[in-house]
Amino acid sequence: MIEEVFNTLMVFGLLLIAGVAIRESVPFFQKFLIPSSVIAGFLGLILGQQVLGWITIPESFSSIPIYAMYILMTCVPLGITVTGKKVIQHMDFAFGNMIMYGFQLVFGVLIGALLIGFWPNLPEGWGLMGVAALFGSHGSVPIVSSVIDPTGELGAQSIGMVMATLGVLLAIIPGIIAANYGVRRGWGAFTKDIKNKDKSFFRGTLPENDRKPIGRLTVSPSNVTSIAFQLGILAVSFKFGELILTGISSVVPFLSNIPTMIYGIVGSLILWPIMKKVKFDGYVDKPTINEISNFSLEIIILTACASIQLSIISEFLVPLLILTLIICVVTFIFTHFWYKKINNPEWFEKSLMNYGMATGSNPQGLSLVRVVDPKNESSIYEALGVYNAVFFWNKLLLPLAASLILIGTVIPVYIIGTALMIVPLVLAYILFFRKRKGAGKTKARKIS
């Protein structure tokens, strides 16, 4: 058992370093900002037993993404504090993401159901992978696949991973084109010239001035190592959520079907305010928590890509392309016109971030913003924090939707998705458009 764990860790490390080396050497991967973990995962797939057979991919690679998701989801709510002023200021970003999430939820399931008529061997409810793979990228795929395909026999996880990879490509390539075009049109708030990019953004080591710490000590190192202590806090949060949900499910049997990965996010959501109330919040270091989350994401991406079932993909490549292209094209059009119409400060940066998030993941969105904001002067991180605080419960929607589809009840999924599209539109009209019209009329009266 110990030898298997060690071997798995070594294979992961070797593939990841190989992925970094390839990205450093191949301009194509640098130009389109393809993550090293994606490169490493597909390198493992090619070198592994399914293709060349030069190396052996551990069997545990197929199950690791699920357990890494437990850690990642526990990290999300810890350390997030939002003020009322910031919430209002960045609600355009939260609303935009919610609308696209609702769209992908409704039309992903609908288009997926229609395509099953042509490809009957597709897993039931596979269209839900649209929002899991595109909005959540590789890291969210296990949330859905573990529910609709718990044994892995239907290849749902492989389907999701391929869609997520297609989404990353469609996030970066059109996104970079849009970023370049927008800067030349003067839409960017911070960048007017994109020709003079430092090479460290694409390859090599960062300059000394750009090497920022990834975390801080919250307790003396003579007491405990910081990263071990933060992992301990995450473990307590996960266990806390498990005790709460298992206790509730003993009273409400229906909740006994809630996926295990929800334990951590529920535990963190409840425990963090309690920690703040009793003045224990100083023990939590959000940057270190974020790095643990990012490390978990690297594990998820690499191991999931390396364990894709190629036999499943060869059979269903066409429907995967159809669903991915439809969702990505609509997302591209919506995000541009939504933020341009609202016209809040930094609307272009927010549109790029939203498009990258809704077709790839946070890293893809941040990569696109970095093109037009190389010095990190924008308020994107604040907007992202508000979005995560306001719409954190989207993590609960995926397993809920998957469970509903699994028992043959799809109508509530359509209702939830439609509500996510309509309610933010109404609220946006009240907060932004009607308020702006009222201000314009008041100004006109003063002039007259």
Protein backbone atom coordinates (compact mmCIF):
# COMPACT_ATOMS: atom_id res chain seq x y z
CA MET A 1 0.00 0.00 0.00
CA ILE A 2 2.75 2.47 0.97
CA GLU A 3 4.74 1.51 -2.12
CA GLU A 4 1.70 2.17 -4.33
CA VAL A 5 1.19 5.63 -2.81
CA PHE A 6 4.88 6.46 -3.27
CA ASN A 7 4.85 5.23 -6.88
CA THR A 8 1.73 7.27 -7.66
CA LEU A 9 3.34 10.40 -6.23
CA MET A 10 6.53 9.83 -8.24
CA VAL A 11 4.66 9.30 -11.52
CA PHE A 12 2.65 12.46 -10.86
CA GLY A 13 5.82 14.47 -10.17
CA LEU A 14 7.70 13.16 -13.19
CA LEU A 15 4.81 13.85 -15.55
CA LEU A 16 4.26 17.33 -14.13
CA ILE A 17 7.91 18.32 -14.56
CA ALA A 18 7.83 16.89 -18.10
CA GLY A 19 4.74 19.00 -18.78
CA VAL A 20 6.50 22.12 -17.48
CA ALA A 21 9.56 21.35 -19.64
CA ILE A 22 7.40 20.91 -22.75
CA ARG A 23 5.55 24.17 -22.13
CA GLU A 24 8.89 25.93 -21.61
CA SER A 25 10.18 24.57 -24.94
CA VAL A 26 7.16 24.79 -27.25
CA PRO A 27 6.03 28.33 -28.18
CA PHE A 28 2.55 27.11 -29.14
CA PHE A 29 1.75 26.06 -25.57
CA GLN A 30 3.20 29.32 -24.22
CA LYS A 31 1.29 31.48 -26.68
CA PHE A 32 -2.04 29.88 -25.89
CA LEU A 33 -1.32 29.52 -22.15
CA ILE A 34 -2.04 25.80 -22.00
CA PRO A 35 -1.49 24.70 -18.36
CA SER A 36 1.45 22.36 -17.74
CA SER A 37 -0.84 19.96 -15.85
CA VAL A 38 -2.99 19.50 -18.98
CA ILE A 39 0.11 18.88 -21.10
CA ALA A 40 1.43 16.45 -18.47
CA GLY A 41 -1.87 14.59 -18.25
CA PHE A 42 -2.11 14.00 -21.97
CA LEU A 43 1.59 13.10 -22.09
CA GLY A 44 0.85 10.40 -19.51
CA LEU A 45 -2.12 9.25 -21.58
CA ILE A 46 0.06 8.90 -24.70
CA LEU A 47 3.01 7.24 -22.93
CA GLY A 48 0.76 5.00 -20.84
CA GLN A 49 -0.69 1.58 -21.44
CA GLN A 50 -3.59 2.80 -23.59
CA VAL A 51 -1.33 4.09 -26.39
CA LEU A 52 2.45 3.52 -26.45
CA GLY A 53 2.79 1.44 -23.30
CA TRP A 54 6.14 2.97 -22.39
CA ILE A 55 5.08 3.75 -18.81
CA THR A 56 2.41 2.43 -16.48
CA ILE A 57 -0.22 4.87 -15.29
CA PRO A 58 -1.27 3.81 -11.77
CA GLU A 59 -4.85 2.59 -11.45
CA SER A 60 -5.33 5.06 -8.62
CA PHE A 61 -5.14 7.94 -11.14
CA SER A 62 -8.78 7.36 -12.10
CA SER A 63 -10.02 7.80 -8.51
CA ILE A 64 -7.62 10.50 -7.27
CA PRO A 65 -9.63 13.40 -8.83
CA ILE A 66 -12.61 12.63 -6.59
CA TYR A 67 -10.59 12.74 -3.36
CA ALA A 68 -8.65 15.82 -4.45
CA MET A 69 -12.01 17.51 -5.03
CA TYR A 70 -12.84 16.96 -1.35
CA ILE A 71 -9.87 19.15 -0.44
CA LEU A 72 -10.46 21.74 -3.15
CA MET A 73 -14.10 22.30 -2.25
CA THR A 74 -13.30 22.59 1.44
CA CYS A 75 -10.87 25.41 0.59
CA VAL A 76 -13.43 27.59 -1.23
CA PRO A 77 -15.31 29.37 1.61
CA LEU A 78 -12.51 29.63 4.19
CA GLY A 79 -11.23 33.19 4.63
CA ILE A 80 -13.75 34.97 2.38
CA THR A 81 -15.07 38.24 3.85
CA VAL A 82 -17.22 40.55 1.76
CA THR A 83 -18.49 44.08 2.53
CA GLY A 84 -21.81 45.45 1.28
CA LYS A 85 -20.10 48.14 -0.83
CA LYS A 86 -17.98 45.60 -2.71
CA VAL A 87 -20.96 43.36 -3.27
CA ILE A 88 -22.89 46.14 -5.04
CA GLN A 89 -19.83 47.32 -6.98
CA HIS A 90 -19.12 43.90 -8.47
CA MET A 91 -22.60 42.43 -8.77
CA ASP A 92 -22.39 42.87 -12.56
CA PHE A 93 -19.67 40.21 -12.50
CA ALA A 94 -21.61 37.91 -10.16
CA PHE A 95 -24.79 38.30 -12.25
CA GLY A 96 -22.94 37.62 -15.51
CA ASN A 97 -21.51 34.38 -14.15
CA MET A 98 -24.85 33.29 -12.71
CA ILE A 99 -26.63 33.86 -16.02
CA MET A 100 -24.05 31.82 -17.95
CA TYR A 101 -24.16 29.09 -15.32
CA GLY A 102 -27.95 28.90 -15.71
CA PHE A 103 -27.65 28.85 -19.51
CA GLN A 104 -25.12 26.01 -19.47
CA LEU A 105 -27.23 24.11 -16.96
CA VAL A 106 -30.42 24.31 -19.05
CA PHE A 107 -29.05 24.01 -22.58
CA GLY A 108 -26.29 21.57 -21.67
CA VAL A 109 -28.88 19.10 -20.36
CA LEU A 110 -31.31 19.86 -23.21
CA ILE A 111 -28.79 19.54 -26.06
CA GLY A 112 -27.28 16.48 -24.39
CA ALA A 113 -30.72 14.82 -24.27
CA LEU A 114 -31.33 15.61 -27.95
CA LEU A 115 -27.96 14.18 -28.99
CA ILE A 116 -28.67 10.91 -27.16
CA GLY A 117 -31.25 10.31 -29.90
CA PHE A 118 -28.37 10.08 -32.38
CA TRP A 119 -25.80 8.50 -30.04
CA PRO A 120 -27.88 6.24 -27.75
CA ASN A 121 -24.82 4.86 -25.91
CA LEU A 122 -24.09 8.23 -24.32
CA PRO A 123 -24.61 8.19 -20.52
CA GLU A 124 -27.97 9.49 -19.36
CA GLY A 125 -27.56 13.07 -18.20
CA TRP A 126 -24.17 13.49 -19.86
CA GLY A 127 -25.21 16.97 -21.04
CA LEU A 128 -24.78 18.16 -17.45
CA MET A 129 -21.07 17.83 -18.19
CA GLY A 130 -21.51 21.08 -20.13
CA VAL A 131 -21.60 23.18 -16.98
CA ALA A 132 -19.25 20.87 -15.06
CA ALA A 133 -16.55 20.72 -17.74
CA LEU A 134 -16.83 24.21 -19.18
CA PHE A 135 -17.79 26.36 -16.20
CA GLY A 136 -15.82 24.34 -13.69
CA SER A 137 -13.15 22.87 -16.00
CA HIS A 138 -11.40 19.58 -15.20
CA GLY A 139 -11.74 20.02 -11.46
CA SER A 140 -15.54 19.92 -11.43
CA VAL A 141 -15.97 16.93 -13.73
CA PRO A 142 -15.73 14.35 -10.90
CA ILE A 143 -18.65 16.08 -9.13
CA VAL A 144 -21.04 15.03 -11.88
CA SER A 145 -19.35 11.87 -13.15
CA SER A 146 -19.25 10.32 -9.68
CA VAL A 147 -23.04 10.70 -9.45
CA ILE A 148 -24.24 9.76 -12.96
CA ASP A 149 -21.52 7.14 -13.45
CA PRO A 150 -20.35 5.95 -9.99
CA THR A 151 -18.66 2.80 -11.31
CA GLY A 152 -16.92 4.55 -14.22
CA GLU A 153 -18.18 1.96 -16.70
CA LEU A 154 -19.99 4.54 -18.87
CA GLY A 155 -16.94 6.77 -19.28
CA ALA A 156 -18.63 9.93 -17.97
CA GLN A 157 -15.43 11.24 -16.41
CA SER A 158 -13.51 10.78 -19.67
CA ILE A 159 -16.26 12.58 -21.58
CA GLY A 160 -16.10 15.46 -19.12
CA MET A 161 -12.30 15.69 -19.25
CA VAL A 162 -12.25 15.92 -23.04
CA MET A 163 -14.96 18.60 -22.98
CA ALA A 164 -13.01 20.50 -20.33
CA THR A 165 -9.86 20.37 -22.45
CA LEU A 166 -11.78 21.57 -25.51
CA GLY A 167 -13.19 24.33 -23.32
CA VAL A 168 -9.71 25.43 -22.18
CA LEU A 169 -8.63 25.72 -25.82
CA LEU A 170 -11.78 27.64 -26.72
CA ALA A 171 -11.30 29.86 -23.69
CA ILE A 172 -7.73 30.79 -24.48
CA ILE A 173 -7.60 31.04 -28.30
CA PRO A 174 -10.68 33.25 -28.94
CA GLY A 175 -10.05 34.96 -25.60
CA ILE A 176 -6.55 36.10 -26.56
CA ILE A 177 -7.83 37.28 -29.95
CA ALA A 178 -10.58 39.25 -28.17
CA ALA A 179 -8.07 40.68 -25.67
CA ASN A 180 -5.78 41.88 -28.44
CA TYR A 181 -8.66 43.33 -30.43
CA GLY A 182 -10.13 45.09 -27.39
CA VAL A 183 -6.84 46.68 -26.40
CA ARG A 184 -6.44 48.05 -29.90
CA ARG A 185 -9.96 49.47 -29.70
CA GLY A 186 -9.12 51.20 -26.43
CA TRP A 187 -11.42 49.06 -24.26
CA GLY A 188 -8.71 48.05 -21.79
CA ALA A 189 -8.44 50.16 -18.64
CA PHE A 190 -4.73 49.49 -18.04
CA THR A 191 -3.01 48.30 -21.22
CA LYS A 192 -2.69 50.22 -24.44
CA ASP A 193 0.31 48.38 -25.87
CA ILE A 194 0.65 44.57 -25.78
CA LYS A 195 3.84 44.21 -27.79
CA ASN A 196 6.24 44.60 -24.87
CA LYS A 197 5.38 41.56 -22.75
CA ASP A 198 8.04 40.20 -20.43
CA LYS A 199 9.14 36.70 -21.45
CA SER A 200 8.71 35.43 -17.88
CA PHE A 201 4.95 35.60 -18.40
CA PHE A 202 5.28 32.81 -20.97
CA ARG A 203 8.37 30.85 -19.90
CA GLY A 204 11.35 30.74 -17.56
CA THR A 205 11.67 31.93 -13.99
CA LEU A 206 10.04 35.03 -12.59
CA PRO A 207 12.22 38.10 -11.91
CA GLU A 208 13.13 38.58 -8.26
CA ASN A 209 10.75 41.53 -7.89
CA ASP A 210 7.80 39.41 -9.05
CA ARG A 211 8.48 36.49 -6.72
CA LYS A 212 5.73 36.90 -4.16
CA PRO A 213 5.26 34.59 -1.14
CA ILE A 214 2.58 31.93 -1.52
CA GLY A 215 1.50 32.11 2.11
CA ARG A 216 2.21 33.43 5.59
CA LEU A 217 2.88 31.93 9.00
CA THR A 218 -0.02 32.15 11.43
CA VAL A 219 1.68 30.22 14.24
CA SER A 220 5.31 29.83 15.30
CA PRO A 221 7.24 27.27 13.19
CA SER A 222 8.59 25.92 16.49
CA ASN A 223 5.00 24.86 17.14
CA VAL A 224 3.90 23.44 13.78
CA THR A 225 4.68 23.82 10.07
CA SER A 226 2.29 26.29 8.47
CA ILE A 227 1.09 24.17 5.55
CA ALA A 228 0.49 21.18 7.85
CA PHE A 229 -1.52 23.40 10.19
CA GLN A 230 -3.68 24.75 7.34
CA LEU A 231 -4.28 21.18 6.14
CA GLY A 232 -5.38 20.38 9.67
CA ILE A 233 -7.92 23.22 9.58
CA LEU A 234 -9.25 21.88 6.27
CA ALA A 235 -9.52 18.40 7.77
CA VAL A 236 -11.49 19.75 10.74
CA SER A 237 -13.79 21.67 8.37
CA PHE A 238 -14.43 18.56 6.28
CA LYS A 239 -15.14 16.40 9.32
CA PHE A 240 -17.36 19.12 10.79
CA GLY A 241 -19.44 19.17 7.62
CA GLU A 242 -19.61 15.37 7.58
CA LEU A 243 -20.94 15.26 11.15
CA ILE A 244 -23.54 17.93 10.40
CA LEU A 245 -24.83 16.38 7.16
CA THR A 246 -24.83 12.80 8.42
CA GLY A 247 -26.71 13.99 11.50
CA ILE A 248 -29.30 15.80 9.37
CA SER A 249 -29.63 12.84 7.00
CA SER A 250 -30.54 10.60 9.96
CA VAL A 251 -33.59 12.82 10.39
CA VAL A 252 -34.18 13.59 6.69
CA PRO A 253 -33.33 10.36 4.80
CA PHE A 254 -33.45 12.11 1.40
CA LEU A 255 -30.27 14.00 2.26
CA SER A 256 -28.36 10.76 2.76
CA ASN A 257 -27.71 10.81 -1.01
CA ILE A 258 -25.70 14.05 -0.85
CA PRO A 259 -22.22 13.39 -2.31
CA THR A 260 -19.32 13.20 0.14
CA MET A 261 -17.51 16.12 -1.55
CA ILE A 262 -20.20 18.49 -0.26
CA TYR A 263 -19.13 17.84 3.34
CA GLY A 264 -16.12 20.13 3.14
CA ILE A 265 -17.83 23.17 1.64
CA VAL A 266 -20.74 22.94 4.12
CA GLY A 267 -18.32 22.53 7.01
CA SER A 268 -16.24 25.54 5.93
CA LEU A 269 -19.30 27.71 5.36
CA ILE A 270 -20.49 27.11 8.91
CA LEU A 271 -17.12 26.95 10.66
CA TRP A 272 -15.58 30.13 9.19
CA PRO A 273 -18.14 32.58 10.70
CA ILE A 274 -17.84 30.74 14.01
CA MET A 275 -14.05 31.10 13.92
CA LYS A 276 -14.41 34.83 13.26
CA LYS A 277 -16.88 35.19 16.14
CA VAL A 278 -14.55 33.55 18.68
CA LYS A 279 -11.46 35.33 17.27
CA PHE A 280 -9.88 32.18 15.85
CA ASP A 281 -9.89 33.45 12.26
CA GLY A 282 -6.29 34.66 12.64
CA TYR A 283 -5.16 31.05 12.52
CA VAL A 284 -6.37 30.75 8.91
CA ASP A 285 -4.06 31.99 6.14
CA LYS A 286 -6.07 32.40 2.94
CA PRO A 287 -3.04 32.52 0.58
CA THR A 288 -1.84 29.15 1.92
CA ILE A 289 -5.37 27.75 1.66
CA ASN A 290 -5.48 28.97 -1.95
CA GLU A 291 -2.17 27.27 -2.74
CA ILE A 292 -3.45 23.99 -1.28
CA SER A 293 -6.54 24.43 -3.47
CA ASN A 294 -4.39 25.12 -6.53
CA PHE A 295 -2.20 22.10 -5.77
CA SER A 296 -5.31 19.94 -5.53
CA LEU A 297 -6.46 21.29 -8.88
CA GLU A 298 -3.13 20.38 -10.50
CA ILE A 299 -3.54 16.85 -9.15
CA ILE A 300 -7.10 16.64 -10.45
CA ILE A 301 -6.24 17.86 -13.95
CA LEU A 302 -3.15 15.72 -14.45
CA THR A 303 -4.48 12.44 -13.09
CA ALA A 304 -7.87 12.80 -14.77
CA CYS A 305 -6.39 13.60 -18.20
CA ALA A 306 -3.88 10.76 -17.92
CA SER A 307 -6.65 8.26 -17.15
CA ILE A 308 -9.11 9.26 -19.92
CA GLN A 309 -10.78 6.23 -21.49
CA LEU A 310 -9.88 6.60 -25.17
CA SER A 311 -12.36 3.97 -26.33
CA ILE A 312 -15.19 6.11 -24.97
CA ILE A 313 -13.91 9.29 -26.62
CA SER A 314 -13.46 7.80 -30.08
CA GLU A 315 -17.12 6.82 -30.04
CA PHE A 316 -18.51 10.17 -28.84
CA LEU A 317 -16.14 12.85 -30.21
CA VAL A 318 -18.74 14.42 -32.52
CA PRO A 319 -21.46 15.06 -29.88
CA LEU A 320 -18.80 16.39 -27.50
CA LEU A 321 -17.66 18.88 -30.13
CA ILE A 322 -21.22 19.94 -30.93
CA LEU A 323 -22.17 20.64 -27.30
CA THR A 324 -18.86 22.37 -26.49
CA LEU A 325 -18.94 24.65 -29.53
CA ILE A 326 -22.56 25.73 -29.01
CA ILE A 327 -22.02 26.66 -25.37
CA CYS A 328 -18.68 28.40 -25.95
CA VAL A 329 -19.94 30.51 -28.87
CA VAL A 330 -23.00 31.72 -26.92
CA THR A 331 -20.82 32.41 -23.87
CA PHE A 332 -18.37 34.46 -25.96
CA ILE A 333 -21.15 36.63 -27.41
CA PHE A 334 -23.01 37.11 -24.12
CA THR A 335 -20.05 38.06 -21.94
CA HIS A 336 -18.94 40.78 -24.34
CA PHE A 337 -22.31 42.45 -24.80
CA TRP A 338 -23.38 42.03 -21.16
CA TYR A 339 -20.46 43.95 -19.66
CA LYS A 340 -20.29 46.48 -22.49
CA LYS A 341 -23.99 47.28 -22.01
CA ILE A 342 -23.68 47.74 -18.24
CA ASN A 343 -20.47 49.73 -18.87
CA ASN A 344 -19.14 49.69 -15.33
CA PRO A 345 -15.45 50.53 -14.80
CA GLU A 346 -13.14 47.76 -16.06
CA TRP A 347 -15.99 46.17 -18.02
CA PHE A 348 -13.60 44.73 -20.61
CA GLU A 349 -11.40 43.06 -18.00
CA LYS A 350 -14.50 41.58 -16.36
CA SER A 351 -15.81 40.28 -19.69
CA LEU A 352 -12.53 38.47 -20.37
CA MET A 353 -12.50 37.00 -16.86
CA ASN A 354 -16.10 35.82 -17.16
CA TYR A 355 -15.51 34.26 -20.58
CA GLY A 356 -12.38 32.47 -19.39
CA MET A 357 -14.15 31.20 -16.27
CA ALA A 358 -17.28 30.05 -18.09
CA THR A 359 -15.40 28.09 -20.76
CA GLY A 360 -12.26 27.06 -18.90
CA SER A 361 -11.65 27.95 -15.26
CA ASN A 362 -10.34 30.74 -13.04
CA PRO A 363 -6.75 30.33 -14.31
CA GLN A 364 -7.88 30.78 -17.92
CA GLY A 365 -9.89 33.86 -16.97
CA LEU A 366 -6.97 35.33 -15.02
CA SER A 367 -4.63 34.56 -17.91
CA LEU A 368 -6.82 36.56 -20.28
CA VAL A 369 -7.02 39.45 -17.83
CA ARG A 370 -3.25 39.36 -17.43
CA VAL A 371 -2.91 40.08 -21.17
CA VAL A 372 -4.64 43.45 -20.70
CA ASP A 373 -3.60 44.02 -17.07
CA PRO A 374 0.04 42.87 -16.74
CA LYS A 375 0.63 44.71 -13.45
CA ASN A 376 -2.47 43.33 -11.72
CA GLU A 377 -3.99 46.77 -11.22
CA SER A 378 -7.58 45.74 -11.90
CA SER A 379 -10.21 44.87 -9.31
CA ILE A 380 -10.74 41.40 -10.78
CA TYR A 381 -9.69 39.66 -7.57
CA GLU A 382 -12.24 41.66 -5.60
CA ALA A 383 -14.92 40.84 -8.19
CA LEU A 384 -13.95 37.18 -8.01
CA GLY A 385 -14.17 37.27 -4.22
CA VAL A 386 -17.64 38.82 -4.35
CA TYR A 387 -18.75 36.24 -6.90
CA ASN A 388 -17.46 33.36 -4.77
CA ALA A 389 -19.16 34.77 -1.69
CA VAL A 390 -22.49 35.46 -3.42
CA PHE A 391 -22.62 32.37 -5.62
CA PHE A 392 -20.69 29.83 -3.55
CA TRP A 393 -23.74 27.58 -3.55
CA ASN A 394 -23.23 26.74 -7.23
CA LYS A 395 -21.02 23.94 -5.89
CA LEU A 396 -24.16 22.42 -4.43
CA LEU A 397 -26.16 22.67 -7.67
CA LEU A 398 -24.11 20.20 -9.71
CA PRO A 399 -24.50 17.14 -7.46
CA LEU A 400 -28.14 18.11 -6.85
CA ALA A 401 -28.82 18.34 -10.59
CA ALA A 402 -26.96 15.09 -11.24
CA SER A 403 -28.96 13.31 -8.52
CA LEU A 404 -32.25 14.61 -9.95
CA ILE A 405 -31.33 13.43 -13.44
CA LEU A 406 -30.25 10.08 -12.07
CA ILE A 407 -33.72 9.44 -10.62
CA GLY A 408 -35.39 10.65 -13.82
CA THR A 409 -36.56 14.06 -12.57
CA VAL A 410 -35.15 16.64 -15.00
CA ILE A 411 -37.82 19.38 -14.79
CA PRO A 412 -36.43 20.89 -11.53
CA VAL A 413 -33.04 21.21 -13.25
CA TYR A 414 -34.61 23.28 -16.03
CA ILE A 415 -36.44 25.40 -13.45
CA ILE A 416 -33.25 26.08 -11.47
CA GLY A 417 -31.28 26.96 -14.61
CA THR A 418 -34.02 29.23 -15.96
CA ALA A 419 -34.27 31.02 -12.61
CA LEU A 420 -30.51 31.60 -12.66
CA MET A 421 -30.87 33.27 -16.05
CA ILE A 422 -33.94 35.40 -15.32
CA VAL A 423 -33.48 36.57 -11.71
CA PRO A 424 -30.02 38.16 -12.27
CA LEU A 425 -31.35 39.93 -15.38
CA VAL A 426 -34.15 41.49 -13.34
CA LEU A 427 -31.82 42.46 -10.49
CA ALA A 428 -29.29 43.91 -12.94
CA TYR A 429 -32.00 46.08 -14.47
CA ILE A 430 -32.90 47.41 -11.02
CA LEU A 431 -29.31 47.95 -9.84
CA PHE A 432 -27.72 49.26 -13.01
CA PHE A 433 -30.03 50.16 -15.88
CA ARG A 434 -33.00 51.72 -14.06
CA LYS A 435 -30.71 53.52 -11.62
CA ARG A 436 -28.70 54.91 -14.53
CA LYS A 437 -31.83 56.06 -16.36
CA GLY A 438 -33.07 57.76 -13.17
CA ALA A 439 -29.74 59.55 -12.74
CA GLY A 440 -29.86 60.68 -16.36
CA LYS A 441 -33.36 62.16 -15.96
CA THR A 442 -32.33 63.97 -12.77
CA LYS A 443 -29.32 65.45 -14.53
CA ALA A 444 -31.48 66.57 -17.45
CA ARG A 445 -33.90 68.34 -15.09
CA LYS A 446 -31.02 70.21 -13.40
CA ILE A 447 -29.70 71.37 -16.76
CA SER A 448 -33.11 72.57 -17.89
